[in-house]
Amino acid sequence: MKAGSQKVVLVVDDEPLVRLNAVDMFEEMGFEVLEASDGTSALRVLEQRPDVALLFSDCRMPGISGPELARMAAERYPHVRIVLVSGYVNVQKLDWPLLPKPYDANSLRKVAGDIGPAS
């Protein structure tokens, strides 16, 4: 596909294998996938890529947490859909959808369904 013909997802997770797994699943669904290992890197990606349609972020990360990242992203980039993921059951009430870990391709398809892979 030529550049710009795919919807863009930004996957943020400090665990490389977990991040790679999500990246692979989103790519198999036809998305262009960008990666960040922490909140600071994710904000840099969002600054450089205004075409990001979905921010898919872990909640617990060193530095900027997923909910903190979500708040900043929602304020600066209101067009970006935000989905948070967590392996913990005692996560505070959030303003964004929360997907429990482990998740599978069907779960990702549901949260990404309304943005669709093709633009």
Protein backbone atom coordinates (compact mmCIF):
# COMPACT_ATOMS: atom_id res chain seq x y z
CA MET A 1 0.00 0.00 0.00
CA LYS A 2 1.19 3.51 -0.70
CA ALA A 3 1.89 5.88 2.17
CA GLY A 4 -1.24 7.40 3.61
CA SER A 5 -3.52 4.62 2.43
CA GLN A 6 -3.66 2.86 5.80
CA LYS A 7 -5.03 4.01 9.15
CA VAL A 8 -2.23 4.50 11.64
CA VAL A 9 -2.05 2.94 15.11
CA LEU A 10 0.50 3.89 17.76
CA VAL A 11 1.26 0.99 20.14
CA VAL A 12 2.89 2.01 23.43
CA ASP A 13 4.23 -0.59 25.85
CA ASP A 14 7.45 -0.82 27.81
CA GLU A 15 7.56 -4.62 27.44
CA PRO A 16 9.10 -5.33 24.00
CA LEU A 17 7.45 -8.74 23.48
CA VAL A 18 4.01 -7.48 24.46
CA ARG A 19 4.44 -4.47 22.17
CA LEU A 20 5.60 -6.68 19.28
CA ASN A 21 2.61 -8.97 19.74
CA ALA A 22 0.19 -6.02 19.49
CA VAL A 23 2.08 -4.59 16.51
CA ASP A 24 1.84 -7.93 14.68
CA MET A 25 -1.90 -8.22 15.34
CA PHE A 26 -2.64 -4.67 14.14
CA GLU A 27 -0.47 -5.17 11.04
CA GLU A 28 -2.32 -8.39 10.21
CA MET A 29 -5.55 -6.34 10.34
CA GLY A 30 -4.11 -3.96 7.73
CA PHE A 31 -3.05 -1.00 9.86
CA GLU A 32 0.19 0.93 9.61
CA VAL A 33 1.67 0.52 13.08
CA LEU A 34 4.07 2.81 14.90
CA GLU A 35 5.73 1.85 18.18
CA ALA A 36 6.88 3.59 21.33
CA SER A 37 8.40 2.09 24.46
CA ASP A 38 7.26 4.86 26.82
CA GLY A 39 5.02 7.89 27.12
CA THR A 40 7.69 10.43 26.23
CA SER A 41 8.51 8.61 22.98
CA ALA A 42 4.80 8.27 22.22
CA LEU A 43 4.30 12.03 22.52
CA ARG A 44 7.19 12.59 20.09
CA VAL A 45 5.57 10.19 17.60
CA LEU A 46 2.21 11.96 17.95
CA GLU A 47 3.90 15.32 17.28
CA GLN A 48 5.53 13.96 14.11
CA ARG A 49 2.57 11.92 12.85
CA PRO A 50 -0.72 13.82 12.85
CA ASP A 51 -2.26 10.89 10.95
CA VAL A 52 -2.31 8.61 14.03
CA ALA A 53 -5.92 7.44 14.40
CA LEU A 54 -5.57 5.14 17.43
CA LEU A 55 -3.35 5.34 20.51
CA PHE A 56 -3.14 1.87 22.09
CA SER A 57 -1.21 2.14 25.34
CA ASP A 58 -0.34 0.07 28.37
CA CYS A 59 -1.37 1.66 31.69
CA ARG A 60 1.66 0.88 33.84
CA MET A 61 4.90 2.18 32.40
CA PRO A 62 7.88 3.96 33.93
CA GLY A 63 7.77 7.73 33.62
CA ILE A 64 4.52 8.83 32.00
CA SER A 65 1.80 6.26 32.73
CA GLY A 66 -0.78 5.22 30.14
CA PRO A 67 -3.58 7.29 31.74
CA GLU A 68 -1.27 10.34 31.94
CA LEU A 69 -0.33 9.82 28.28
CA ALA A 70 -3.99 9.47 27.38
CA ARG A 71 -4.86 12.77 29.10
CA MET A 72 -2.06 14.61 27.30
CA ALA A 73 -2.89 13.03 23.94
CA ALA A 74 -6.62 13.75 24.30
CA GLU A 75 -5.90 17.40 25.06
CA ARG A 76 -3.38 17.90 22.25
CA TYR A 77 -4.80 15.51 19.63
CA PRO A 78 -8.58 15.29 20.12
CA HIS A 79 -9.05 13.36 16.86
CA VAL A 80 -7.04 10.36 18.19
CA ARG A 81 -9.05 7.45 19.59
CA ILE A 82 -7.50 6.13 22.80
CA VAL A 83 -7.59 2.59 24.19
CA LEU A 84 -5.68 1.60 27.32
CA VAL A 85 -4.62 -1.92 28.28
CA SER A 86 -3.67 -3.39 31.63
CA GLY A 87 -2.78 -6.71 33.17
CA TYR A 88 -3.99 -5.45 36.55
CA VAL A 89 -7.54 -5.64 37.82
CA ASN A 90 -7.23 -2.76 40.29
CA VAL A 91 -6.85 0.03 37.75
CA GLN A 92 -8.45 3.36 38.60
CA LYS A 93 -11.60 4.43 36.76
CA LEU A 94 -10.55 5.75 33.38
CA ASP A 95 -12.12 8.04 30.80
CA TRP A 96 -11.08 5.70 27.97
CA PRO A 97 -11.85 2.08 27.07
CA LEU A 98 -9.72 -0.38 29.04
CA LEU A 99 -8.80 -3.73 27.53
CA PRO A 100 -7.54 -6.40 29.94
CA LYS A 101 -4.33 -8.32 29.23
CA PRO A 102 -3.91 -10.81 27.79
CA TYR A 103 -5.88 -9.70 24.75
CA ASP A 104 -6.27 -11.41 21.39
CA ALA A 105 -6.78 -10.35 17.79
CA ASN A 106 -10.58 -10.41 18.17
CA SER A 107 -10.35 -7.96 21.10
CA LEU A 108 -8.12 -5.65 19.05
CA ARG A 109 -10.46 -5.91 16.08
CA LYS A 110 -13.35 -4.76 18.30
CA VAL A 111 -11.54 -1.73 19.74
CA ALA A 112 -10.16 -0.73 16.33
CA GLY A 113 -13.27 -1.59 14.36
CA ASP A 114 -14.71 1.89 14.18
CA ILE A 115 -11.53 3.41 12.76
CA GLY A 116 -11.06 0.60 10.20
CA PRO A 117 -7.75 -0.18 8.48
CA ALA A 118 -8.38 1.51 5.15
CA SER A 119 -8.85 5.25 4.79
